[in-house]
N, C-alpha and C. Protein backbone atom coordinates (compact mmCIF):
# COMPACT_ATOMS: atom_id res chain seq x y z
N MET A 1 -30.27 -34.63 -65.95
CA MET A 1 -31.57 -34.48 -65.33
C MET A 1 -31.47 -35.06 -63.91
N SER A 2 -31.96 -34.31 -62.93
CA SER A 2 -31.87 -34.76 -61.55
C SER A 2 -32.82 -35.94 -61.32
N GLU A 3 -32.51 -36.68 -60.27
CA GLU A 3 -33.32 -37.86 -59.97
C GLU A 3 -34.76 -37.48 -59.63
N THR A 4 -34.95 -36.40 -58.87
CA THR A 4 -36.31 -35.97 -58.53
C THR A 4 -37.07 -35.50 -59.77
N ARG A 5 -36.38 -34.80 -60.67
CA ARG A 5 -37.02 -34.36 -61.91
C ARG A 5 -37.43 -35.57 -62.75
N GLU A 6 -36.55 -36.54 -62.83
CA GLU A 6 -36.85 -37.76 -63.59
C GLU A 6 -38.03 -38.51 -62.97
N GLN A 7 -38.07 -38.57 -61.64
CA GLN A 7 -39.20 -39.22 -60.96
C GLN A 7 -40.50 -38.47 -61.24
N ARG A 8 -40.44 -37.15 -61.21
CA ARG A 8 -41.63 -36.33 -61.48
C ARG A 8 -42.14 -36.57 -62.90
N LEU A 9 -41.23 -36.57 -63.87
CA LEU A 9 -41.61 -36.84 -65.25
C LEU A 9 -42.21 -38.24 -65.40
N THR A 10 -41.59 -39.22 -64.75
CA THR A 10 -42.09 -40.60 -64.81
C THR A 10 -43.50 -40.68 -64.24
N GLU A 11 -43.74 -40.00 -63.12
CA GLU A 11 -45.08 -39.99 -62.52
C GLU A 11 -46.11 -39.39 -63.46
N VAL A 12 -45.77 -38.27 -64.10
CA VAL A 12 -46.70 -37.61 -65.00
C VAL A 12 -46.98 -38.50 -66.21
N VAL A 13 -45.95 -39.08 -66.80
CA VAL A 13 -46.12 -39.93 -67.99
C VAL A 13 -46.94 -41.18 -67.66
N THR A 14 -46.63 -41.84 -66.55
CA THR A 14 -47.39 -43.05 -66.20
C THR A 14 -48.82 -42.71 -65.83
N SER A 15 -49.04 -41.58 -65.18
CA SER A 15 -50.40 -41.15 -64.85
C SER A 15 -51.19 -40.86 -66.13
N LEU A 16 -50.56 -40.20 -67.07
CA LEU A 16 -51.21 -39.91 -68.35
C LEU A 16 -51.53 -41.22 -69.09
N ALA A 17 -50.60 -42.15 -69.09
CA ALA A 17 -50.82 -43.44 -69.75
C ALA A 17 -52.01 -44.17 -69.10
N ARG A 18 -52.09 -44.13 -67.78
CA ARG A 18 -53.22 -44.77 -67.08
C ARG A 18 -54.54 -44.13 -67.49
N ARG A 19 -54.55 -42.80 -67.61
CA ARG A 19 -55.77 -42.08 -68.00
C ARG A 19 -56.27 -42.52 -69.38
N PHE A 20 -55.33 -42.91 -70.25
CA PHE A 20 -55.69 -43.36 -71.59
C PHE A 20 -55.70 -44.89 -71.71
N SER A 21 -55.64 -45.56 -70.58
CA SER A 21 -55.61 -47.04 -70.57
C SER A 21 -54.53 -47.57 -71.50
N CYS A 22 -53.38 -46.98 -71.40
CA CYS A 22 -52.26 -47.34 -72.27
C CYS A 22 -51.13 -47.89 -71.40
N GLU A 23 -50.62 -49.05 -71.79
CA GLU A 23 -49.50 -49.62 -71.05
C GLU A 23 -48.19 -49.24 -71.74
N LEU A 24 -47.31 -48.63 -70.98
CA LEU A 24 -46.00 -48.25 -71.51
C LEU A 24 -44.92 -49.04 -70.79
N ASP A 25 -43.98 -49.58 -71.55
CA ASP A 25 -42.86 -50.27 -70.90
C ASP A 25 -41.83 -49.23 -70.45
N ARG A 26 -40.80 -49.67 -69.77
CA ARG A 26 -39.80 -48.74 -69.22
C ARG A 26 -39.10 -47.93 -70.30
N MET A 27 -38.86 -48.55 -71.43
CA MET A 27 -38.19 -47.84 -72.52
C MET A 27 -39.08 -46.72 -73.07
N ALA A 28 -40.37 -46.99 -73.20
CA ALA A 28 -41.30 -45.97 -73.71
C ALA A 28 -41.41 -44.82 -72.71
N ILE A 29 -41.48 -45.15 -71.43
CA ILE A 29 -41.56 -44.11 -70.39
C ILE A 29 -40.29 -43.26 -70.42
N ALA A 30 -39.14 -43.91 -70.53
CA ALA A 30 -37.86 -43.18 -70.59
C ALA A 30 -37.82 -42.27 -71.81
N SER A 31 -38.34 -42.74 -72.93
CA SER A 31 -38.37 -41.94 -74.15
C SER A 31 -39.26 -40.70 -73.97
N TYR A 32 -40.45 -40.88 -73.37
CA TYR A 32 -41.32 -39.75 -73.09
C TYR A 32 -40.63 -38.77 -72.15
N CYS A 33 -40.00 -39.29 -71.10
CA CYS A 33 -39.33 -38.42 -70.12
C CYS A 33 -38.24 -37.60 -70.77
N GLN A 34 -37.47 -38.21 -71.65
CA GLN A 34 -36.41 -37.48 -72.33
C GLN A 34 -37.00 -36.40 -73.23
N ALA A 35 -38.06 -36.73 -73.95
CA ALA A 35 -38.67 -35.78 -74.87
C ALA A 35 -39.34 -34.62 -74.13
N LEU A 36 -39.86 -34.88 -72.94
CA LEU A 36 -40.56 -33.84 -72.18
C LEU A 36 -39.67 -33.17 -71.14
N GLY A 37 -38.45 -33.61 -71.03
CA GLY A 37 -37.55 -33.15 -69.97
C GLY A 37 -37.24 -31.68 -69.95
N ARG A 38 -37.34 -30.98 -71.07
CA ARG A 38 -37.03 -29.55 -71.11
C ARG A 38 -38.24 -28.68 -70.80
N MET A 39 -39.39 -29.29 -70.56
CA MET A 39 -40.57 -28.51 -70.21
C MET A 39 -40.50 -28.12 -68.74
N SER A 40 -40.96 -26.94 -68.42
CA SER A 40 -41.02 -26.53 -67.02
C SER A 40 -42.13 -27.34 -66.34
N ASP A 41 -42.15 -27.34 -65.02
CA ASP A 41 -43.20 -28.05 -64.29
C ASP A 41 -44.58 -27.52 -64.65
N GLN A 42 -44.68 -26.20 -64.77
CA GLN A 42 -45.97 -25.61 -65.13
C GLN A 42 -46.41 -26.03 -66.52
N GLN A 43 -45.49 -26.02 -67.47
CA GLN A 43 -45.81 -26.46 -68.83
C GLN A 43 -46.23 -27.92 -68.83
N LEU A 44 -45.54 -28.71 -68.04
CA LEU A 44 -45.85 -30.14 -67.96
C LEU A 44 -47.26 -30.37 -67.43
N MET A 45 -47.62 -29.65 -66.38
CA MET A 45 -48.96 -29.82 -65.80
C MET A 45 -50.04 -29.28 -66.74
N ASP A 46 -49.77 -28.17 -67.42
CA ASP A 46 -50.72 -27.63 -68.40
C ASP A 46 -50.91 -28.62 -69.54
N ALA A 47 -49.82 -29.19 -70.02
CA ALA A 47 -49.90 -30.16 -71.11
C ALA A 47 -50.66 -31.41 -70.68
N TYR A 48 -50.44 -31.85 -69.44
CA TYR A 48 -51.15 -33.02 -68.90
C TYR A 48 -52.66 -32.76 -68.93
N ARG A 49 -53.06 -31.61 -68.42
CA ARG A 49 -54.49 -31.25 -68.37
C ARG A 49 -55.08 -31.15 -69.78
N LEU A 50 -54.38 -30.49 -70.68
CA LEU A 50 -54.86 -30.33 -72.04
C LEU A 50 -54.92 -31.66 -72.80
N ALA A 51 -53.96 -32.53 -72.56
CA ALA A 51 -53.96 -33.84 -73.23
C ALA A 51 -55.19 -34.64 -72.84
N ILE A 52 -55.55 -34.58 -71.57
CA ILE A 52 -56.74 -35.30 -71.10
C ILE A 52 -58.00 -34.72 -71.74
N GLU A 53 -58.04 -33.41 -71.87
CA GLU A 53 -59.20 -32.75 -72.47
C GLU A 53 -59.33 -32.99 -73.97
N ARG A 54 -58.21 -33.05 -74.69
CA ARG A 54 -58.25 -33.01 -76.15
C ARG A 54 -58.03 -34.33 -76.87
N PHE A 55 -57.41 -35.29 -76.22
CA PHE A 55 -57.08 -36.54 -76.91
C PHE A 55 -57.94 -37.71 -76.43
N ARG A 56 -58.21 -38.63 -77.35
CA ARG A 56 -58.93 -39.86 -76.99
C ARG A 56 -57.95 -40.99 -76.71
N PHE A 57 -56.74 -40.89 -77.30
CA PHE A 57 -55.72 -41.91 -77.13
C PHE A 57 -54.44 -41.25 -76.63
N MET A 58 -53.55 -42.05 -76.11
CA MET A 58 -52.29 -41.54 -75.58
C MET A 58 -51.53 -40.75 -76.66
N PRO A 59 -51.28 -39.46 -76.43
CA PRO A 59 -50.58 -38.66 -77.43
C PRO A 59 -49.08 -38.96 -77.44
N ALA A 60 -48.46 -38.69 -78.57
CA ALA A 60 -47.01 -38.80 -78.68
C ALA A 60 -46.38 -37.63 -77.94
N ALA A 61 -45.12 -37.76 -77.61
CA ALA A 61 -44.42 -36.71 -76.84
C ALA A 61 -44.44 -35.37 -77.57
N ASP A 62 -44.26 -35.38 -78.89
CA ASP A 62 -44.27 -34.10 -79.61
C ASP A 62 -45.66 -33.47 -79.61
N GLU A 63 -46.70 -34.29 -79.56
CA GLU A 63 -48.07 -33.75 -79.45
C GLU A 63 -48.28 -33.12 -78.07
N ILE A 64 -47.70 -33.72 -77.05
CA ILE A 64 -47.81 -33.17 -75.69
C ILE A 64 -47.10 -31.83 -75.62
N ARG A 65 -45.88 -31.76 -76.17
CA ARG A 65 -45.13 -30.50 -76.18
C ARG A 65 -45.88 -29.42 -76.96
N ALA A 66 -46.47 -29.82 -78.08
CA ALA A 66 -47.18 -28.85 -78.93
C ALA A 66 -48.39 -28.24 -78.21
N LEU A 67 -48.97 -28.96 -77.26
CA LEU A 67 -50.13 -28.44 -76.53
C LEU A 67 -49.82 -27.14 -75.80
N VAL A 68 -48.59 -26.99 -75.36
CA VAL A 68 -48.20 -25.77 -74.64
C VAL A 68 -47.22 -24.94 -75.45
N GLY A 69 -47.14 -25.23 -76.74
CA GLY A 69 -46.34 -24.40 -77.64
C GLY A 69 -44.85 -24.61 -77.56
N VAL A 70 -44.41 -25.75 -77.08
CA VAL A 70 -42.98 -26.03 -77.01
C VAL A 70 -42.63 -26.95 -78.17
N SER A 71 -41.86 -26.44 -79.12
CA SER A 71 -41.46 -27.26 -80.25
C SER A 71 -39.94 -27.37 -80.28
N ASP A 72 -39.47 -28.41 -80.94
CA ASP A 72 -38.02 -28.57 -81.09
C ASP A 72 -37.43 -27.38 -81.85
N ARG A 73 -38.17 -26.86 -82.79
CA ARG A 73 -37.70 -25.72 -83.58
C ARG A 73 -37.51 -24.50 -82.67
N GLN A 74 -38.46 -24.27 -81.75
CA GLN A 74 -38.32 -23.14 -80.83
C GLN A 74 -37.11 -23.32 -79.92
N LEU A 75 -36.90 -24.53 -79.44
CA LEU A 75 -35.74 -24.80 -78.60
C LEU A 75 -34.45 -24.57 -79.39
N ALA A 76 -34.44 -25.02 -80.64
CA ALA A 76 -33.26 -24.85 -81.49
C ALA A 76 -33.00 -23.37 -81.77
N GLU A 77 -34.06 -22.59 -82.00
CA GLU A 77 -33.90 -21.15 -82.22
C GLU A 77 -33.31 -20.48 -80.97
N SER A 78 -33.81 -20.88 -79.81
CA SER A 78 -33.28 -20.33 -78.56
C SER A 78 -31.82 -20.74 -78.38
N ALA A 79 -31.51 -21.98 -78.70
CA ALA A 79 -30.13 -22.47 -78.60
C ALA A 79 -29.21 -21.69 -79.54
N TRP A 80 -29.69 -21.38 -80.74
CA TRP A 80 -28.90 -20.60 -81.70
C TRP A 80 -28.57 -19.22 -81.14
N GLN A 81 -29.56 -18.57 -80.53
CA GLN A 81 -29.34 -17.24 -79.98
C GLN A 81 -28.29 -17.26 -78.88
N ILE A 82 -28.36 -18.25 -77.99
CA ILE A 82 -27.36 -18.29 -76.92
C ILE A 82 -25.99 -18.67 -77.48
N LEU A 83 -25.98 -19.45 -78.54
CA LEU A 83 -24.71 -19.80 -79.18
C LEU A 83 -24.01 -18.54 -79.70
N LEU A 84 -24.77 -17.68 -80.35
CA LEU A 84 -24.21 -16.42 -80.84
C LEU A 84 -23.71 -15.56 -79.68
N HIS A 85 -24.48 -15.53 -78.60
CA HIS A 85 -24.08 -14.79 -77.41
C HIS A 85 -22.82 -15.41 -76.79
N ALA A 86 -22.75 -16.73 -76.74
CA ALA A 86 -21.60 -17.41 -76.15
C ALA A 86 -20.33 -17.15 -76.95
N ILE A 87 -20.46 -17.07 -78.27
CA ILE A 87 -19.29 -16.77 -79.10
C ILE A 87 -18.69 -15.43 -78.68
N ASN A 88 -19.54 -14.44 -78.47
CA ASN A 88 -19.06 -13.11 -78.06
C ASN A 88 -18.57 -13.10 -76.62
N GLU A 89 -19.23 -13.80 -75.73
CA GLU A 89 -18.88 -13.78 -74.31
C GLU A 89 -17.65 -14.64 -73.99
N VAL A 90 -17.60 -15.82 -74.56
CA VAL A 90 -16.55 -16.78 -74.22
C VAL A 90 -15.38 -16.65 -75.18
N GLY A 91 -15.68 -16.54 -76.46
CA GLY A 91 -14.63 -16.46 -77.47
C GLY A 91 -13.97 -17.80 -77.72
N SER A 92 -13.13 -17.83 -78.73
CA SER A 92 -12.49 -19.09 -79.13
C SER A 92 -11.31 -19.46 -78.25
N ALA A 93 -10.80 -18.53 -77.47
CA ALA A 93 -9.61 -18.82 -76.67
C ALA A 93 -9.92 -19.64 -75.42
N ASN A 94 -11.15 -19.56 -74.94
CA ASN A 94 -11.49 -20.23 -73.69
C ASN A 94 -12.35 -21.46 -73.91
N PRO A 95 -12.24 -22.43 -72.99
CA PRO A 95 -13.09 -23.61 -73.11
C PRO A 95 -14.54 -23.28 -72.74
N VAL A 96 -15.46 -24.07 -73.25
CA VAL A 96 -16.88 -23.86 -72.99
C VAL A 96 -17.52 -25.23 -72.78
N ALA A 97 -18.56 -25.26 -71.96
CA ALA A 97 -19.27 -26.52 -71.70
C ALA A 97 -20.76 -26.29 -71.87
N PHE A 98 -21.48 -27.30 -72.31
CA PHE A 98 -22.92 -27.22 -72.50
C PHE A 98 -23.60 -28.33 -71.72
N ASP A 99 -24.76 -28.04 -71.13
CA ASP A 99 -25.48 -29.09 -70.41
C ASP A 99 -26.49 -29.80 -71.30
N ASP A 100 -26.70 -29.31 -72.51
CA ASP A 100 -27.65 -29.94 -73.42
C ASP A 100 -26.87 -30.69 -74.50
N PRO A 101 -26.96 -32.01 -74.52
CA PRO A 101 -26.19 -32.77 -75.51
C PRO A 101 -26.59 -32.47 -76.95
N ARG A 102 -27.80 -31.95 -77.16
CA ARG A 102 -28.20 -31.60 -78.52
C ARG A 102 -27.39 -30.41 -79.04
N MET A 103 -27.01 -29.50 -78.14
CA MET A 103 -26.16 -28.37 -78.52
C MET A 103 -24.81 -28.90 -79.02
N VAL A 104 -24.25 -29.80 -78.25
CA VAL A 104 -22.94 -30.37 -78.60
C VAL A 104 -23.04 -31.11 -79.93
N HIS A 105 -24.08 -31.91 -80.09
CA HIS A 105 -24.28 -32.66 -81.34
C HIS A 105 -24.35 -31.69 -82.52
N ALA A 106 -25.14 -30.64 -82.39
CA ALA A 106 -25.30 -29.68 -83.48
C ALA A 106 -23.99 -28.94 -83.78
N ILE A 107 -23.26 -28.58 -82.75
CA ILE A 107 -21.98 -27.89 -82.94
C ILE A 107 -20.98 -28.80 -83.64
N ARG A 108 -20.88 -30.03 -83.14
CA ARG A 108 -19.93 -30.98 -83.74
C ARG A 108 -20.27 -31.28 -85.20
N ARG A 109 -21.54 -31.45 -85.51
CA ARG A 109 -21.94 -31.76 -86.88
C ARG A 109 -21.81 -30.55 -87.81
N THR A 110 -22.06 -29.37 -87.30
CA THR A 110 -22.02 -28.17 -88.15
C THR A 110 -20.60 -27.64 -88.32
N TRP A 111 -19.81 -27.56 -87.25
CA TRP A 111 -18.48 -26.95 -87.32
C TRP A 111 -17.35 -27.88 -86.90
N GLY A 112 -17.63 -28.90 -86.14
CA GLY A 112 -16.58 -29.80 -85.68
C GLY A 112 -16.08 -29.50 -84.28
N ASP A 113 -15.81 -28.24 -83.99
CA ASP A 113 -15.35 -27.88 -82.64
C ASP A 113 -15.63 -26.41 -82.36
N TRP A 114 -15.35 -26.00 -81.14
CA TRP A 114 -15.66 -24.65 -80.67
C TRP A 114 -14.82 -23.59 -81.38
N VAL A 115 -13.53 -23.84 -81.53
CA VAL A 115 -12.64 -22.85 -82.14
C VAL A 115 -13.07 -22.58 -83.58
N ARG A 116 -13.35 -23.63 -84.32
CA ARG A 116 -13.78 -23.46 -85.72
C ARG A 116 -15.12 -22.72 -85.78
N LEU A 117 -16.03 -23.06 -84.87
CA LEU A 117 -17.32 -22.37 -84.81
C LEU A 117 -17.10 -20.87 -84.63
N CYS A 118 -16.25 -20.52 -83.67
CA CYS A 118 -16.02 -19.10 -83.36
C CYS A 118 -15.39 -18.35 -84.53
N THR A 119 -14.59 -19.03 -85.33
CA THR A 119 -13.93 -18.36 -86.44
C THR A 119 -14.77 -18.36 -87.72
N GLU A 120 -15.70 -19.29 -87.85
CA GLU A 120 -16.46 -19.41 -89.10
C GLU A 120 -17.84 -18.75 -89.08
N VAL A 121 -18.39 -18.50 -87.90
CA VAL A 121 -19.71 -17.86 -87.87
C VAL A 121 -19.52 -16.38 -88.15
N PRO A 122 -20.13 -15.90 -89.25
CA PRO A 122 -19.95 -14.48 -89.59
C PRO A 122 -20.64 -13.57 -88.58
N GLU A 123 -20.06 -12.40 -88.37
CA GLU A 123 -20.64 -11.43 -87.44
C GLU A 123 -21.82 -10.68 -88.06
N GLU A 124 -21.81 -10.55 -89.36
CA GLU A 124 -22.86 -9.80 -90.05
C GLU A 124 -23.95 -10.73 -90.58
N PRO A 125 -25.21 -10.31 -90.51
CA PRO A 125 -26.28 -11.12 -91.09
C PRO A 125 -26.09 -11.26 -92.60
N GLY A 126 -26.54 -12.37 -93.10
CA GLY A 126 -26.44 -12.60 -94.54
C GLY A 126 -26.65 -14.06 -94.85
N TYR A 127 -26.39 -14.40 -96.09
CA TYR A 127 -26.63 -15.77 -96.56
C TYR A 127 -25.86 -16.80 -95.74
N GLU A 128 -24.57 -16.58 -95.53
CA GLU A 128 -23.74 -17.58 -94.83
C GLU A 128 -24.20 -17.79 -93.39
N LEU A 129 -24.54 -16.72 -92.69
CA LEU A 129 -25.04 -16.85 -91.32
C LEU A 129 -26.35 -17.63 -91.31
N ASN A 130 -27.25 -17.33 -92.23
CA ASN A 130 -28.53 -18.06 -92.31
C ASN A 130 -28.30 -19.53 -92.66
N ARG A 131 -27.36 -19.81 -93.54
CA ARG A 131 -27.06 -21.20 -93.91
C ARG A 131 -26.56 -21.98 -92.69
N GLN A 132 -25.63 -21.38 -91.95
CA GLN A 132 -25.10 -22.05 -90.76
C GLN A 132 -26.18 -22.21 -89.69
N ARG A 133 -27.03 -21.20 -89.53
CA ARG A 133 -28.14 -21.27 -88.57
C ARG A 133 -29.07 -22.43 -88.90
N GLU A 134 -29.43 -22.55 -90.16
CA GLU A 134 -30.33 -23.64 -90.57
C GLU A 134 -29.70 -25.01 -90.37
N LEU A 135 -28.40 -25.12 -90.67
CA LEU A 135 -27.70 -26.39 -90.42
C LEU A 135 -27.70 -26.72 -88.94
N PHE A 136 -27.35 -25.74 -88.11
CA PHE A 136 -27.35 -25.95 -86.66
C PHE A 136 -28.72 -26.40 -86.19
N ILE A 137 -29.78 -25.73 -86.62
CA ILE A 137 -31.14 -26.06 -86.20
C ILE A 137 -31.51 -27.47 -86.67
N GLN A 138 -31.13 -27.81 -87.89
CA GLN A 138 -31.41 -29.15 -88.39
C GLN A 138 -30.75 -30.21 -87.52
N TYR A 139 -29.46 -30.03 -87.21
CA TYR A 139 -28.76 -31.01 -86.38
C TYR A 139 -29.27 -31.02 -84.94
N PHE A 140 -29.63 -29.86 -84.42
CA PHE A 140 -30.16 -29.78 -83.06
C PHE A 140 -31.48 -30.55 -82.95
N THR A 141 -32.38 -30.33 -83.90
CA THR A 141 -33.71 -30.95 -83.83
C THR A 141 -33.70 -32.43 -84.20
N THR A 142 -32.65 -32.89 -84.87
CA THR A 142 -32.60 -34.30 -85.26
C THR A 142 -31.54 -35.08 -84.49
N ALA A 143 -31.06 -34.51 -83.40
CA ALA A 143 -30.05 -35.20 -82.60
C ALA A 143 -30.61 -36.54 -82.12
N PRO A 144 -29.82 -37.60 -82.23
CA PRO A 144 -30.31 -38.90 -81.77
C PRO A 144 -30.58 -38.88 -80.27
N GLU A 145 -31.55 -39.68 -79.85
CA GLU A 145 -31.92 -39.68 -78.43
C GLU A 145 -30.81 -40.17 -77.53
N ASP A 146 -29.89 -40.96 -78.07
CA ASP A 146 -28.83 -41.52 -77.24
C ASP A 146 -27.56 -40.66 -77.26
N VAL A 147 -27.67 -39.42 -77.79
CA VAL A 147 -26.50 -38.55 -77.81
C VAL A 147 -26.18 -38.11 -76.37
N HIS A 148 -24.94 -38.27 -75.98
CA HIS A 148 -24.52 -37.94 -74.61
C HIS A 148 -23.22 -37.17 -74.66
N LYS A 149 -22.57 -37.06 -73.53
CA LYS A 149 -21.29 -36.38 -73.42
C LYS A 149 -20.32 -37.02 -74.41
N PRO A 150 -19.22 -36.39 -74.78
CA PRO A 150 -18.63 -35.24 -74.13
C PRO A 150 -19.37 -33.94 -74.46
N TRP A 151 -19.48 -33.10 -73.48
CA TRP A 151 -20.21 -31.85 -73.66
C TRP A 151 -19.31 -30.63 -73.47
N GLN A 152 -18.02 -30.85 -73.41
CA GLN A 152 -17.10 -29.75 -73.19
C GLN A 152 -16.21 -29.57 -74.41
N PHE A 153 -16.01 -28.33 -74.82
CA PHE A 153 -15.12 -28.00 -75.92
C PHE A 153 -13.94 -27.22 -75.37
N GLY A 154 -12.75 -27.49 -75.88
CA GLY A 154 -11.58 -26.74 -75.47
C GLY A 154 -11.43 -25.47 -76.29
N GLY A 155 -10.74 -24.52 -75.72
CA GLY A 155 -10.43 -23.29 -76.43
C GLY A 155 -9.03 -23.34 -76.99
N ARG A 156 -8.57 -22.25 -77.56
CA ARG A 156 -7.22 -22.20 -78.13
C ARG A 156 -6.15 -22.15 -77.05
N LEU A 157 -6.49 -21.62 -75.88
CA LEU A 157 -5.51 -21.55 -74.80
C LEU A 157 -5.32 -22.94 -74.21
N LEU A 158 -4.10 -23.33 -74.02
CA LEU A 158 -3.83 -24.67 -73.49
C LEU A 158 -3.46 -24.57 -72.02
N ASN A 159 -4.26 -23.90 -71.24
CA ASN A 159 -4.05 -23.77 -69.81
C ASN A 159 -4.93 -24.81 -69.11
N PRO A 160 -4.33 -25.88 -68.57
CA PRO A 160 -5.13 -26.94 -67.97
C PRO A 160 -5.93 -26.50 -66.75
N GLY A 161 -5.59 -25.37 -66.15
CA GLY A 161 -6.32 -24.90 -64.98
C GLY A 161 -7.56 -24.09 -65.30
N THR A 162 -7.78 -23.77 -66.57
CA THR A 162 -8.92 -22.94 -66.95
C THR A 162 -10.20 -23.77 -66.97
N LYS A 163 -11.15 -23.33 -66.15
CA LYS A 163 -12.44 -24.03 -66.14
C LYS A 163 -13.29 -23.51 -67.30
N PRO A 164 -14.09 -24.39 -67.88
CA PRO A 164 -14.93 -23.95 -68.99
C PRO A 164 -16.08 -23.08 -68.51
N ARG A 165 -16.58 -22.22 -69.38
CA ARG A 165 -17.80 -21.47 -69.11
C ARG A 165 -18.95 -22.42 -69.40
N LEU A 166 -19.86 -22.58 -68.47
CA LEU A 166 -20.99 -23.48 -68.64
C LEU A 166 -22.14 -22.75 -69.30
N ILE A 167 -22.68 -23.32 -70.35
CA ILE A 167 -23.86 -22.81 -71.01
C ILE A 167 -25.00 -23.75 -70.60
N THR A 168 -25.95 -23.25 -69.84
CA THR A 168 -27.02 -24.10 -69.33
C THR A 168 -28.33 -23.79 -70.04
N THR A 169 -29.20 -24.78 -70.11
CA THR A 169 -30.42 -24.66 -70.89
C THR A 169 -31.66 -24.92 -70.05
N ALA A 170 -31.59 -24.65 -68.78
CA ALA A 170 -32.70 -24.96 -67.87
C ALA A 170 -34.00 -24.30 -68.30
N GLN A 171 -35.02 -25.10 -68.47
CA GLN A 171 -36.38 -24.65 -68.76
C GLN A 171 -36.43 -23.65 -69.90
N HIS A 172 -35.77 -23.96 -70.99
CA HIS A 172 -35.79 -23.18 -72.22
C HIS A 172 -35.07 -21.85 -72.11
N GLU A 173 -34.43 -21.58 -71.00
CA GLU A 173 -33.69 -20.32 -70.85
C GLU A 173 -32.21 -20.64 -70.99
N TYR A 174 -31.66 -20.39 -72.15
CA TYR A 174 -30.25 -20.64 -72.36
C TYR A 174 -29.50 -19.44 -71.79
N ARG A 175 -28.57 -19.70 -70.91
CA ARG A 175 -27.85 -18.59 -70.31
C ARG A 175 -26.43 -19.00 -69.98
N LEU A 176 -25.58 -18.02 -69.83
CA LEU A 176 -24.19 -18.25 -69.47
C LEU A 176 -24.04 -18.24 -67.97
N ILE A 177 -23.27 -19.16 -67.44
CA ILE A 177 -22.96 -19.18 -66.01
C ILE A 177 -21.46 -18.91 -65.91
N GLU A 178 -21.10 -17.82 -65.29
CA GLU A 178 -19.71 -17.40 -65.21
C GLU A 178 -18.89 -18.38 -64.39
N GLY A 179 -17.78 -18.85 -64.99
CA GLY A 179 -16.79 -19.66 -64.26
C GLY A 179 -17.30 -21.00 -63.80
N ALA A 180 -18.42 -21.49 -64.28
CA ALA A 180 -18.91 -22.80 -63.87
C ALA A 180 -18.43 -23.84 -64.85
N GLY A 181 -18.46 -25.07 -64.45
CA GLY A 181 -18.08 -26.15 -65.35
C GLY A 181 -17.54 -27.33 -64.58
N SER A 182 -17.19 -28.36 -65.29
CA SER A 182 -16.64 -29.54 -64.62
C SER A 182 -15.34 -29.91 -65.31
N GLU A 183 -14.50 -30.55 -64.59
CA GLU A 183 -13.24 -30.99 -65.15
C GLU A 183 -13.49 -32.29 -65.87
N GLN A 184 -12.79 -32.49 -66.97
CA GLN A 184 -12.99 -33.72 -67.72
C GLN A 184 -11.74 -34.53 -67.73
């Protein structure tokens, strides 16, 4: 999260807390910012306005997200769709990187690594695909707040010069960025 984005989130959260005469310490503000970080600026401002209109006390972060229809389940469903797309686009031979640590957490808990994910996710719909989808969604939505990097998975090719394909999750739009990534 960029410094300006973090400052913007902090301003919105502290302003909301003031409106409800609620004192939040730095840890609580950081927790709200992390939980609301995937909302677009427009969603954030809409949620701020609706929270003031509808609540008498400071709402929890998930209540704020729910005001504009952003749920962890929806984010996880979107993440699942891009994961399926990434399997086809990137394949198991190439490295891949994710900017959302919840994606990495869910992948590691469900399959262990990228190569295994690519080989075990069935191409055809059915029971096994649904089972893996539900596991992924469960791990995505329950990822601990302190989950961080590493966010890069290696492929089967052992070419140290190959940059990973970056999978970015900006504002709920999971998309592939060709040839982007960072060296680890």
